[in-house]
Amino acid sequence: MLSPQSTNPAAGCQLNNLVFQYLTAVETTPGMNPPQASRLYFLLGSLMWNSYASLDKTFSFVDGFTTPTQYLSSTTSESDRWNAFYKRLVLCLQELQQQEVPSMPVPPLPTGYPPVNPQFRASVKAYLAQRWNDGHLHTSQGFTYPNEGHYIRVGGPLQNLNEELPDPTTWCPLSVLQPDGTWKNQKYVAPLFYKVKNWFSQDEWTKLYDIAETNHPSPQVWEQQIHNTETLCSTVNVQEKVIAEIWAGTDPKKATPPTKWMIFMCILLAAKEYPTKESVALIGGLSFTLFHAGITAWAVKTKYLQPRPIQVMRQEYYNKPLVNPITGEEVNGGEWLPYQSSQLWTPGFPDYVSGHSVFSMGCAVFLQMLTGSDKIPLDGVMIDTEYLRLWGHIFDECTEPFMINQVPMPPGCSVVNPEKDPNCPVYVGWTSWNAMANEVGMSRIWGFIHWENSNMGGLALGSQVGQDMMGRFDWAKMKLRF
């Protein structure tokens, strides 16, 4: 059975353990959000990649990192290769813990052979110092938007957003009534994250923005989406509701969308027992993809400021009946809520595009191209529920080991509608990366968080990001075997 506490000495199994601890530390960091999580995974992947590049000339340094090389012979055993890499990795984790993720546990530094060039730690420090000033600390500085200072109230008196908002056609955050009678206001999360130092060239940005414009809805498509959402309020089924909760990523201190893909990567590393080189390539490449997916999604969100369903449905159906997808009962459309937990009725950033869709299709395309197959190679592998503990509260009732292609969801496991949804046993599972990415995108429609165009645009952008990341490296030179 696969576990994030594997005793298997294979590099993939040991990196599964270390990366899972890192994911847990990232997600329990106060105020963590999807784009910032993607940046922290990028730093981990970059340090792993560069550590290995100092030992293997088929790998090139990335992201401005430089250090003296200590290339290993092509005949070096896998055991010696792992030991040399692992010493460097622990040095990296020590520095990463000190600067970025203080709660991350770091194993002790191995002693003895093989020695590490003393310059290596200095190189890691210099790289992280440069990355500390990459713009991630200033992702809101100086940014304003049309509805700033106005809120969609969840609770309290009925609100006519068409009259209250300075610009009803653009995104507005929420203000949620608390049990003590106070209001909790959302803030726009990291609107300028796309300005964090990244690898995109101007030509690549042009291509990405062209894709975004192509998928931005016409007035006719926009009206049809509103009608489709009204219909979905009455027709969304039990399976779709469960899937919406599985991929939501809104539980505090649980997996955000990038982390869910990192969890799958951990499982894959351990299941296939990949050697050092293949493990580093997989971790590095996937983390590079997630970070640039986050950069892309936030650039498009900030450009278009498209309002989310909770805003538009309340505007369109103000003082009109509209079915609440949680209860199945009609409510005044001005008080309508999506099928989401009260922990986070809707995220604190605009609708278009769906970050879930960009992250997911980016990873799916990268994994397809790197491994040469769309098939998830985990048939018959039993997996420990500890992975699900980090995933989200909907899995709290899942106490038995599971297989990726058949995960049982017991009746009443819903966090959104506890003890009522689902009203019968439901099974979910995944056999292909592409199908998984498409399901993630649809989950945001079934949860009434995104419009259809946000999903389609996100999938198209994610596919381009995945291809861009694959195109940056000479993978054939590395002679990887997946």
Protein backbone atom coordinates (compact mmCIF):
# COMPACT_ATOMS: atom_id res chain seq x y z
CA MET A 1 0.00 0.00 0.00
CA LEU A 2 1.31 3.44 -0.95
CA SER A 3 1.86 5.89 1.88
CA PRO A 4 3.52 9.30 2.31
CA GLN A 5 5.66 7.58 4.96
CA SER A 6 7.18 4.93 2.72
CA THR A 7 10.23 2.97 3.86
CA ASN A 8 11.06 1.93 0.30
CA PRO A 9 14.59 3.23 -0.50
CA ALA A 10 13.73 4.05 -4.15
CA ALA A 11 14.23 7.73 -4.97
CA GLY A 12 10.61 8.15 -6.03
CA CYS A 13 9.36 6.77 -2.72
CA GLN A 14 11.66 8.93 -0.63
CA LEU A 15 10.79 12.06 -2.61
CA ASN A 16 7.12 11.18 -2.22
CA ASN A 17 7.65 11.39 1.55
CA LEU A 18 9.59 14.67 1.44
CA VAL A 19 7.31 16.41 -1.05
CA PHE A 20 4.17 15.39 0.84
CA GLN A 21 5.59 16.93 4.02
CA TYR A 22 6.31 20.09 2.04
CA LEU A 23 2.75 20.19 0.66
CA THR A 24 1.35 19.88 4.17
CA ALA A 25 3.57 22.69 5.44
CA VAL A 26 2.56 24.94 2.53
CA GLU A 27 -1.16 24.37 3.00
CA THR A 28 -1.04 24.97 6.75
CA THR A 29 0.68 28.33 6.21
CA PRO A 30 -1.77 31.11 7.23
CA GLY A 31 -3.34 32.94 4.31
CA MET A 32 -2.17 30.47 1.67
CA ASN A 33 -3.85 30.79 -1.73
CA PRO A 34 -3.53 28.92 -5.06
CA PRO A 35 -1.10 31.22 -6.90
CA GLN A 36 1.23 31.60 -3.92
CA ALA A 37 1.16 27.82 -3.38
CA SER A 38 2.13 27.34 -7.03
CA ARG A 39 5.11 29.66 -6.50
CA LEU A 40 6.31 27.66 -3.48
CA TYR A 41 6.07 24.45 -5.50
CA PHE A 42 8.03 26.13 -8.27
CA LEU A 43 10.81 26.97 -5.81
CA LEU A 44 10.96 23.38 -4.59
CA GLY A 45 10.98 22.02 -8.14
CA SER A 46 13.62 24.52 -9.26
CA LEU A 47 15.94 23.70 -6.37
CA MET A 48 15.56 19.98 -6.98
CA TRP A 49 16.18 20.41 -10.68
CA ASN A 50 19.23 22.61 -10.18
CA SER A 51 20.64 20.30 -7.50
CA TYR A 52 20.50 17.44 -9.94
CA ALA A 53 21.80 19.59 -12.80
CA SER A 54 24.99 20.15 -10.79
CA LEU A 55 25.53 16.37 -10.97
CA ASP A 56 24.24 15.43 -14.44
CA LYS A 57 25.30 17.31 -17.58
CA THR A 58 22.16 16.25 -19.46
CA PHE A 59 20.20 18.66 -17.22
CA SER A 60 20.62 22.42 -17.64
CA PHE A 61 20.37 24.93 -14.80
CA VAL A 62 17.08 26.86 -14.72
CA ASP A 63 15.75 30.19 -13.44
CA GLY A 64 19.12 31.91 -13.22
CA PHE A 65 20.65 29.39 -10.81
CA THR A 66 24.39 28.75 -11.11
CA THR A 67 26.83 26.69 -9.07
CA PRO A 68 30.04 24.72 -9.70
CA THR A 69 29.27 21.33 -11.19
CA GLN A 70 30.39 17.96 -9.86
CA TYR A 71 29.25 15.76 -12.73
CA LEU A 72 28.81 12.07 -12.03
CA SER A 73 29.99 9.38 -14.41
CA SER A 74 27.35 7.80 -16.64
CA THR A 75 28.20 4.53 -14.90
CA THR A 76 27.50 5.88 -11.39
CA SER A 77 25.12 3.54 -9.56
CA GLU A 78 21.60 4.69 -8.74
CA SER A 79 22.42 4.42 -5.04
CA ASP A 80 25.43 6.74 -5.33
CA ARG A 81 23.47 9.08 -7.60
CA TRP A 82 20.69 9.35 -5.02
CA ASN A 83 23.12 9.94 -2.14
CA ALA A 84 24.88 12.77 -3.98
CA PHE A 85 21.57 14.39 -4.92
CA TYR A 86 20.01 13.89 -1.49
CA LYS A 87 22.78 15.79 0.33
CA ARG A 88 22.23 18.75 -1.97
CA LEU A 89 18.47 18.50 -1.58
CA VAL A 90 18.68 18.65 2.22
CA LEU A 91 20.85 21.77 1.98
CA CYS A 92 18.19 23.30 -0.29
CA LEU A 93 15.39 22.38 2.10
CA GLN A 94 17.24 23.98 5.01
CA GLU A 95 17.48 27.28 3.14
CA LEU A 96 13.93 27.03 1.80
CA GLN A 97 12.62 26.45 5.31
CA GLN A 98 14.48 29.46 6.65
CA GLN A 99 13.23 31.88 3.98
CA GLU A 100 9.87 30.62 2.72
CA VAL A 101 8.21 27.78 4.68
CA PRO A 102 9.23 27.85 8.38
CA SER A 103 6.89 25.00 9.36
CA MET A 104 8.45 22.55 6.90
CA PRO A 105 10.24 19.62 8.58
CA VAL A 106 13.75 19.10 7.23
CA PRO A 107 15.70 15.86 7.62
CA PRO A 108 19.23 16.01 9.10
CA LEU A 109 22.06 16.65 6.69
CA PRO A 110 23.82 13.36 5.84
CA THR A 111 27.50 13.21 6.72
CA GLY A 112 30.42 11.59 4.95
CA TYR A 113 30.74 10.70 1.28
CA PRO A 114 29.96 12.17 -1.19
CA PRO A 115 31.20 15.68 -0.38
CA VAL A 116 29.33 18.77 -1.58
CA ASN A 117 31.19 21.76 -2.98
CA PRO A 118 31.09 24.46 -0.25
CA GLN A 119 29.92 26.94 -2.89
CA PHE A 120 26.65 25.03 -3.33
CA ARG A 121 24.95 26.40 -0.20
CA ALA A 122 26.03 29.92 -1.14
CA SER A 123 24.48 29.37 -4.58
CA VAL A 124 21.20 28.26 -3.02
CA LYS A 125 21.16 31.28 -0.70
CA ALA A 126 21.81 33.64 -3.62
CA TYR A 127 19.08 32.05 -5.71
CA LEU A 128 16.47 32.24 -2.94
CA ALA A 129 17.44 35.84 -2.16
CA GLN A 130 16.85 36.72 -5.80
CA ARG A 131 13.50 34.90 -5.74
CA TRP A 132 12.46 36.68 -2.54
CA ASN A 133 12.39 39.86 -4.62
CA ASP A 134 10.52 38.31 -7.56
CA GLY A 135 7.39 40.42 -6.98
CA HIS A 136 5.38 37.95 -4.88
CA LEU A 137 5.32 40.37 -1.92
CA HIS A 138 3.61 43.09 -3.96
CA THR A 139 0.77 41.32 -5.77
CA SER A 140 -1.84 43.85 -4.63
CA GLN A 141 0.20 47.03 -4.40
CA GLY A 142 -1.44 49.96 -6.20
CA PHE A 143 -4.17 47.85 -7.81
CA THR A 144 -7.74 49.16 -8.00
CA TYR A 145 -10.90 47.87 -9.68
CA PRO A 146 -14.33 49.39 -10.47
CA ASN A 147 -16.30 47.84 -7.59
CA GLU A 148 -13.60 48.30 -4.95
CA GLY A 149 -15.16 49.10 -1.56
CA HIS A 150 -18.48 47.48 -2.54
CA TYR A 151 -19.56 43.97 -1.59
CA ILE A 152 -22.06 41.24 -2.34
CA ARG A 153 -23.61 40.60 1.07
CA VAL A 154 -24.21 37.01 2.15
CA GLY A 155 -26.71 37.45 4.98
CA GLY A 156 -28.53 40.58 6.07
CA PRO A 157 -31.13 42.52 4.08
CA LEU A 158 -31.86 41.89 0.40
CA GLN A 159 -29.54 43.80 -1.90
CA ASN A 160 -30.12 45.16 -5.42
CA LEU A 161 -26.67 44.83 -6.95
CA ASN A 162 -27.79 46.39 -10.22
CA GLU A 163 -28.32 49.66 -8.38
CA GLU A 164 -25.61 49.44 -5.71
CA LEU A 165 -22.54 48.55 -7.74
CA PRO A 166 -20.65 51.24 -9.68
CA ASP A 167 -20.12 48.70 -12.48
CA PRO A 168 -22.53 45.72 -12.28
CA THR A 169 -20.82 44.11 -15.29
CA THR A 170 -17.51 43.53 -13.48
CA TRP A 171 -16.47 41.38 -10.54
CA CYS A 172 -17.30 42.27 -6.95
CA PRO A 173 -16.11 40.52 -3.74
CA LEU A 174 -18.30 39.13 -0.96
CA SER A 175 -19.04 40.30 2.55
CA VAL A 176 -20.31 37.48 4.77
CA LEU A 177 -22.35 37.98 7.94
CA GLN A 178 -20.64 36.27 10.90
CA PRO A 179 -22.36 34.59 13.88
CA ASP A 180 -21.34 37.50 16.14
CA GLY A 181 -23.11 39.98 13.87
CA THR A 182 -19.98 41.41 12.23
CA TRP A 183 -19.17 41.26 8.53
CA LYS A 184 -16.14 39.55 6.98
CA ASN A 185 -15.07 41.26 3.76
CA GLN A 186 -13.23 39.49 0.97
CA LYS A 187 -10.11 41.01 -0.53
CA TYR A 188 -9.03 40.55 -4.12
CA VAL A 189 -6.43 37.77 -3.82
CA ALA A 190 -3.12 38.58 -5.54
CA PRO A 191 -4.44 40.56 -8.55
CA LEU A 192 -0.91 41.30 -9.77
CA PHE A 193 0.47 37.78 -9.31
CA TYR A 194 1.04 37.57 -13.06
CA LYS A 195 3.84 40.12 -12.63
CA VAL A 196 5.88 37.74 -10.46
CA LYS A 197 9.07 36.87 -12.35
CA ASN A 198 8.29 34.09 -14.83
CA TRP A 199 9.63 32.45 -17.98
CA PHE A 200 7.13 33.63 -20.60
CA SER A 201 8.47 35.59 -23.57
CA GLN A 202 6.48 38.41 -25.16
CA ASP A 203 5.51 36.09 -28.03
CA GLU A 204 4.24 33.50 -25.57
CA TRP A 205 2.20 36.15 -23.73
CA THR A 206 0.69 37.26 -27.02
CA LYS A 207 -0.37 33.70 -27.81
CA LEU A 208 -1.89 33.24 -24.35
CA TYR A 209 -3.86 36.49 -24.52
CA ASP A 210 -5.11 35.53 -28.01
CA ILE A 211 -6.44 32.26 -26.59
CA ALA A 212 -8.11 34.16 -23.76
CA GLU A 213 -9.77 36.61 -26.15
CA THR A 214 -11.02 33.79 -28.38
CA ASN A 215 -12.80 32.16 -25.43
CA HIS A 216 -14.20 35.36 -23.94
CA PRO A 217 -18.00 35.19 -24.39
CA SER A 218 -20.05 37.23 -26.82
CA PRO A 219 -23.26 38.83 -25.44
CA GLN A 220 -25.27 35.94 -26.92
CA VAL A 221 -23.06 33.30 -25.29
CA TRP A 222 -23.18 35.20 -22.00
CA GLU A 223 -26.99 35.19 -21.95
CA GLN A 224 -27.08 31.50 -22.84
CA GLN A 225 -24.71 30.69 -19.96
CA ILE A 226 -27.01 32.46 -17.52
CA HIS A 227 -29.97 30.42 -18.81
CA ASN A 228 -27.94 27.19 -18.61
CA THR A 229 -27.01 27.95 -15.00
CA GLU A 230 -30.65 28.54 -14.09
CA THR A 231 -31.48 25.12 -15.54
CA LEU A 232 -28.54 23.46 -13.79
CA CYS A 233 -29.84 24.68 -10.41
CA SER A 234 -32.66 22.13 -10.78
CA THR A 235 -30.85 19.37 -12.66
CA VAL A 236 -27.41 19.05 -11.00
CA ASN A 237 -27.23 15.45 -9.76
CA VAL A 238 -25.68 13.66 -6.80
CA GLN A 239 -22.57 12.53 -8.70
CA GLU A 240 -21.94 16.04 -9.99
CA LYS A 241 -22.35 17.54 -6.52
CA VAL A 242 -19.82 15.11 -5.05
CA ILE A 243 -17.34 15.89 -7.82
CA ALA A 244 -17.86 19.63 -7.22
CA GLU A 245 -16.87 19.15 -3.58
CA ILE A 246 -13.93 16.86 -4.29
CA TRP A 247 -12.20 19.44 -6.47
CA ALA A 248 -13.34 22.62 -4.67
CA GLY A 249 -10.13 23.26 -2.72
CA THR A 250 -11.78 25.67 -0.28
CA ASP A 251 -11.27 23.88 3.05
CA PRO A 252 -8.89 25.80 5.35
CA LYS A 253 -5.48 24.10 5.65
CA LYS A 254 -6.41 21.57 2.98
CA ALA A 255 -5.25 21.15 -0.60
CA THR A 256 -5.68 24.07 -3.00
CA PRO A 257 -5.95 23.17 -6.73
CA PRO A 258 -2.17 23.11 -7.37
CA THR A 259 -1.65 20.91 -4.31
CA LYS A 260 -4.14 18.31 -5.55
CA TRP A 261 -1.97 17.75 -8.62
CA MET A 262 1.15 17.61 -6.48
CA ILE A 263 -0.54 14.90 -4.39
CA PHE A 264 -1.16 12.85 -7.53
CA MET A 265 2.49 13.34 -8.45
CA CYS A 266 3.57 12.02 -5.02
CA ILE A 267 1.43 8.93 -5.51
CA LEU A 268 2.87 8.41 -8.99
CA LEU A 269 6.46 8.77 -7.75
CA ALA A 270 5.95 6.11 -5.10
CA ALA A 271 3.86 3.74 -7.19
CA LYS A 272 6.35 3.61 -10.05
CA GLU A 273 9.43 3.73 -7.77
CA TYR A 274 11.13 6.08 -10.20
CA PRO A 275 14.92 6.53 -9.95
CA THR A 276 16.48 9.88 -9.12
CA LYS A 277 16.67 11.38 -12.61
CA GLU A 278 13.09 10.58 -13.58
CA SER A 279 11.77 11.73 -10.20
CA VAL A 280 13.52 15.09 -10.48
CA ALA A 281 12.28 15.60 -14.04
CA LEU A 282 8.70 14.84 -13.00
CA ILE A 283 8.72 17.06 -9.90
CA GLY A 284 10.51 19.90 -11.65
CA GLY A 285 8.42 19.85 -14.79
CA LEU A 286 5.09 19.63 -12.99
CA SER A 287 5.97 22.41 -10.56
CA PHE A 288 7.14 24.66 -13.41
CA THR A 289 3.81 24.01 -15.14
CA LEU A 290 1.72 24.78 -12.06
CA PHE A 291 3.51 28.06 -11.43
CA HIS A 292 3.11 29.27 -15.00
CA ALA A 293 -0.50 28.12 -15.01
CA GLY A 294 -1.06 30.35 -11.97
CA ILE A 295 0.72 33.25 -13.68
CA THR A 296 -1.48 32.80 -16.75
CA ALA A 297 -4.79 32.45 -14.92
CA TRP A 298 -4.22 35.54 -12.79
CA ALA A 299 -3.18 37.63 -15.80
CA VAL A 300 -6.45 36.82 -17.54
CA LYS A 301 -8.58 37.25 -14.41
CA THR A 302 -7.17 40.72 -13.83
CA LYS A 303 -7.59 41.74 -17.48
CA TYR A 304 -11.26 40.78 -17.83
CA LEU A 305 -12.68 41.06 -14.27
CA GLN A 306 -15.56 38.80 -15.30
CA PRO A 307 -18.20 38.49 -12.53
CA ARG A 308 -18.91 35.12 -10.95
CA PRO A 309 -22.25 33.28 -10.92
CA ILE A 310 -23.14 34.39 -7.36
CA GLN A 311 -23.08 38.00 -8.57
CA VAL A 312 -24.76 37.63 -11.96
CA MET A 313 -27.50 35.24 -10.82
CA ARG A 314 -28.41 37.64 -8.00
CA GLN A 315 -28.50 40.51 -10.48
CA GLU A 316 -30.52 38.68 -13.13
CA TYR A 317 -33.01 37.04 -10.75
CA TYR A 318 -33.40 39.79 -8.17
CA ASN A 319 -36.93 39.46 -6.70
CA LYS A 320 -37.53 36.46 -8.98
CA PRO A 321 -37.69 32.78 -7.97
CA LEU A 322 -34.53 30.74 -8.44
CA VAL A 323 -33.74 27.23 -7.19
CA ASN A 324 -31.09 26.94 -4.48
CA PRO A 325 -28.87 24.03 -5.66
CA ILE A 326 -28.06 23.07 -2.06
CA THR A 327 -31.64 22.58 -0.85
CA GLY A 328 -33.50 22.19 -4.15
CA GLU A 329 -36.00 24.80 -2.97
CA GLU A 330 -36.90 28.12 -4.58
CA VAL A 331 -35.47 31.30 -3.07
CA ASN A 332 -35.47 34.96 -4.01
CA GLY A 333 -32.78 35.17 -6.70
CA GLY A 334 -31.28 38.12 -4.86
CA GLU A 335 -30.22 35.71 -2.08
CA TRP A 336 -29.10 32.78 -4.25
CA LEU A 337 -26.02 30.79 -3.23
CA PRO A 338 -23.82 28.35 -5.17
CA TYR A 339 -23.32 24.70 -4.19
CA GLN A 340 -20.38 25.46 -1.90
CA SER A 341 -19.38 25.28 1.75
CA SER A 342 -20.04 28.33 3.90
CA GLN A 343 -16.27 28.33 4.56
CA LEU A 344 -15.94 30.02 1.16
CA TRP A 345 -19.08 30.71 -0.85
CA THR A 346 -17.00 31.86 -3.80
CA PRO A 347 -13.30 32.73 -4.22
CA GLY A 348 -11.94 36.25 -3.78
CA PHE A 349 -10.92 36.87 -7.38
CA PRO A 350 -12.71 37.16 -10.75
CA ASP A 351 -14.29 34.38 -12.77
CA TYR A 352 -12.54 34.32 -16.12
CA VAL A 353 -10.60 32.14 -16.47
CA SER A 354 -11.00 29.14 -14.20
CA GLY A 355 -7.73 28.62 -12.35
CA HIS A 356 -8.76 25.00 -11.73
CA SER A 357 -8.98 24.45 -15.49
CA VAL A 358 -5.64 26.11 -16.30
CA PHE A 359 -3.79 24.24 -13.53
CA SER A 360 -5.38 20.92 -14.43
CA MET A 361 -5.06 20.86 -18.20
CA GLY A 362 -1.54 22.26 -17.94
CA CYS A 363 -0.55 19.33 -15.73
CA ALA A 364 -2.47 16.79 -17.84
CA VAL A 365 -0.77 17.88 -21.07
CA PHE A 366 2.65 17.97 -19.41
CA LEU A 367 2.21 14.46 -17.98
CA GLN A 368 0.92 13.11 -21.30
CA MET A 369 3.87 14.52 -23.21
CA LEU A 370 6.53 13.61 -20.62
CA THR A 371 5.43 10.01 -20.04
CA GLY A 372 4.15 9.38 -23.56
CA SER A 373 0.72 8.27 -22.40
CA ASP A 374 -2.58 9.76 -21.23
CA LYS A 375 -3.23 6.70 -19.08
CA ILE A 376 -2.81 7.10 -15.32
CA PRO A 377 -0.53 4.11 -14.56
CA LEU A 378 -1.99 3.20 -11.17
CA ASP A 379 -4.28 0.26 -11.93
CA GLY A 380 -4.79 -1.94 -8.89
CA VAL A 381 -2.53 0.15 -6.63
CA MET A 382 -3.87 0.50 -3.08
CA ILE A 383 -3.32 3.95 -1.62
CA ASP A 384 -3.32 5.06 2.01
CA THR A 385 -6.02 7.48 3.14
CA GLU A 386 -3.41 9.91 4.52
CA TYR A 387 -3.29 11.45 1.05
CA LEU A 388 -7.03 12.12 1.31
CA ARG A 389 -6.64 13.75 4.74
CA LEU A 390 -4.75 16.60 3.07
CA TRP A 391 -7.11 16.67 0.08
CA GLY A 392 -10.28 17.90 1.80
CA HIS A 393 -12.91 17.31 4.47
CA ILE A 394 -15.25 15.46 2.10
CA PHE A 395 -12.91 12.48 2.49
CA ASP A 396 -13.04 12.48 6.30
CA GLU A 397 -15.38 9.48 6.29
CA CYS A 398 -13.14 7.48 3.94
CA THR A 399 -11.19 5.23 6.30
CA GLU A 400 -10.09 2.37 4.04
CA PRO A 401 -7.27 2.25 1.47
CA PHE A 402 -8.49 3.11 -2.01
CA MET A 403 -7.64 2.78 -5.69
CA ILE A 404 -7.44 5.85 -7.94
CA ASN A 405 -9.97 4.41 -10.37
CA GLN A 406 -12.55 3.61 -7.66
CA VAL A 407 -12.82 5.85 -4.61
CA PRO A 408 -15.96 5.16 -2.53
CA MET A 409 -17.85 8.19 -1.21
CA PRO A 410 -20.26 7.17 1.58
CA PRO A 411 -23.77 8.65 1.95
CA GLY A 412 -23.87 11.92 3.86
CA CYS A 413 -20.15 12.73 3.40
CA SER A 414 -20.90 16.16 1.93
CA VAL A 415 -19.53 19.23 3.69
CA VAL A 416 -21.89 21.52 1.77
CA ASN A 417 -25.05 19.58 2.66
CA PRO A 418 -23.97 17.20 5.46
CA GLU A 419 -25.92 14.02 6.15
CA LYS A 420 -28.07 14.64 3.06
CA ASP A 421 -25.64 14.58 0.11
CA PRO A 422 -25.01 12.15 -1.35
CA ASN A 423 -28.16 10.19 -0.51
CA CYS A 424 -26.61 6.95 -1.79
CA PRO A 425 -23.08 5.52 -2.19
CA VAL A 426 -21.13 7.25 -4.97
CA TYR A 427 -17.90 6.12 -6.61
CA VAL A 428 -15.42 8.44 -8.27
CA GLY A 429 -12.22 7.57 -10.06
CA TRP A 430 -9.76 8.54 -12.74
CA THR A 431 -7.99 6.55 -15.44
CA SER A 432 -6.63 9.27 -17.74
CA TRP A 433 -4.98 12.64 -17.16
CA ASN A 434 -7.08 14.36 -19.82
CA ALA A 435 -10.35 13.03 -18.42
CA MET A 436 -9.31 14.12 -14.95
CA ALA A 437 -8.52 17.66 -16.14
CA ASN A 438 -11.87 17.90 -17.92
CA GLU A 439 -13.68 16.69 -14.80
CA VAL A 440 -11.90 19.31 -12.70
CA GLY A 441 -13.10 21.99 -15.09
CA MET A 442 -16.69 20.73 -15.05
CA SER A 443 -16.62 20.52 -11.25
CA ARG A 444 -16.50 24.31 -11.09
CA ILE A 445 -19.62 24.56 -13.24
CA TRP A 446 -21.44 21.93 -11.15
CA GLY A 447 -20.43 23.87 -8.05
CA PHE A 448 -21.72 27.14 -9.61
CA ILE A 449 -18.35 28.83 -9.23
CA HIS A 450 -17.54 29.37 -12.92
CA TRP A 451 -19.29 29.91 -16.23
CA GLU A 452 -18.82 27.52 -19.14
CA ASN A 453 -16.56 29.93 -21.05
CA SER A 454 -14.26 30.18 -18.01
CA ASN A 455 -13.77 26.43 -18.07
CA MET A 456 -13.24 26.20 -21.83
CA GLY A 457 -10.85 29.14 -21.86
CA GLY A 458 -8.99 27.72 -18.88
CA LEU A 459 -8.57 24.31 -20.52
CA ALA A 460 -7.26 25.90 -23.72
CA LEU A 461 -4.80 28.09 -21.82
CA GLY A 462 -3.69 25.18 -19.64
CA SER A 463 -2.98 23.09 -22.72
CA GLN A 464 -0.79 25.87 -24.10
CA VAL A 465 1.07 26.26 -20.79
CA GLY A 466 1.76 22.52 -20.65
CA GLN A 467 3.12 22.59 -24.20
CA ASP A 468 5.23 25.66 -23.43
CA MET A 469 6.84 23.95 -20.44
CA MET A 470 7.57 20.80 -22.44
CA GLY A 471 9.12 22.87 -25.20
CA ARG A 472 11.67 24.50 -22.89
CA PHE A 473 13.86 21.44 -22.36
CA ASP A 474 15.72 18.88 -24.43
CA TRP A 475 13.99 15.90 -22.88
CA ALA A 476 15.52 13.45 -25.36
CA LYS A 477 19.00 14.46 -24.19
CA MET A 478 18.05 13.45 -20.64
CA LYS A 479 17.21 9.89 -21.78
CA LEU A 480 14.33 9.58 -19.33
CA ARG A 481 12.53 6.27 -18.98
CA PHE A 482 8.93 6.45 -17.86
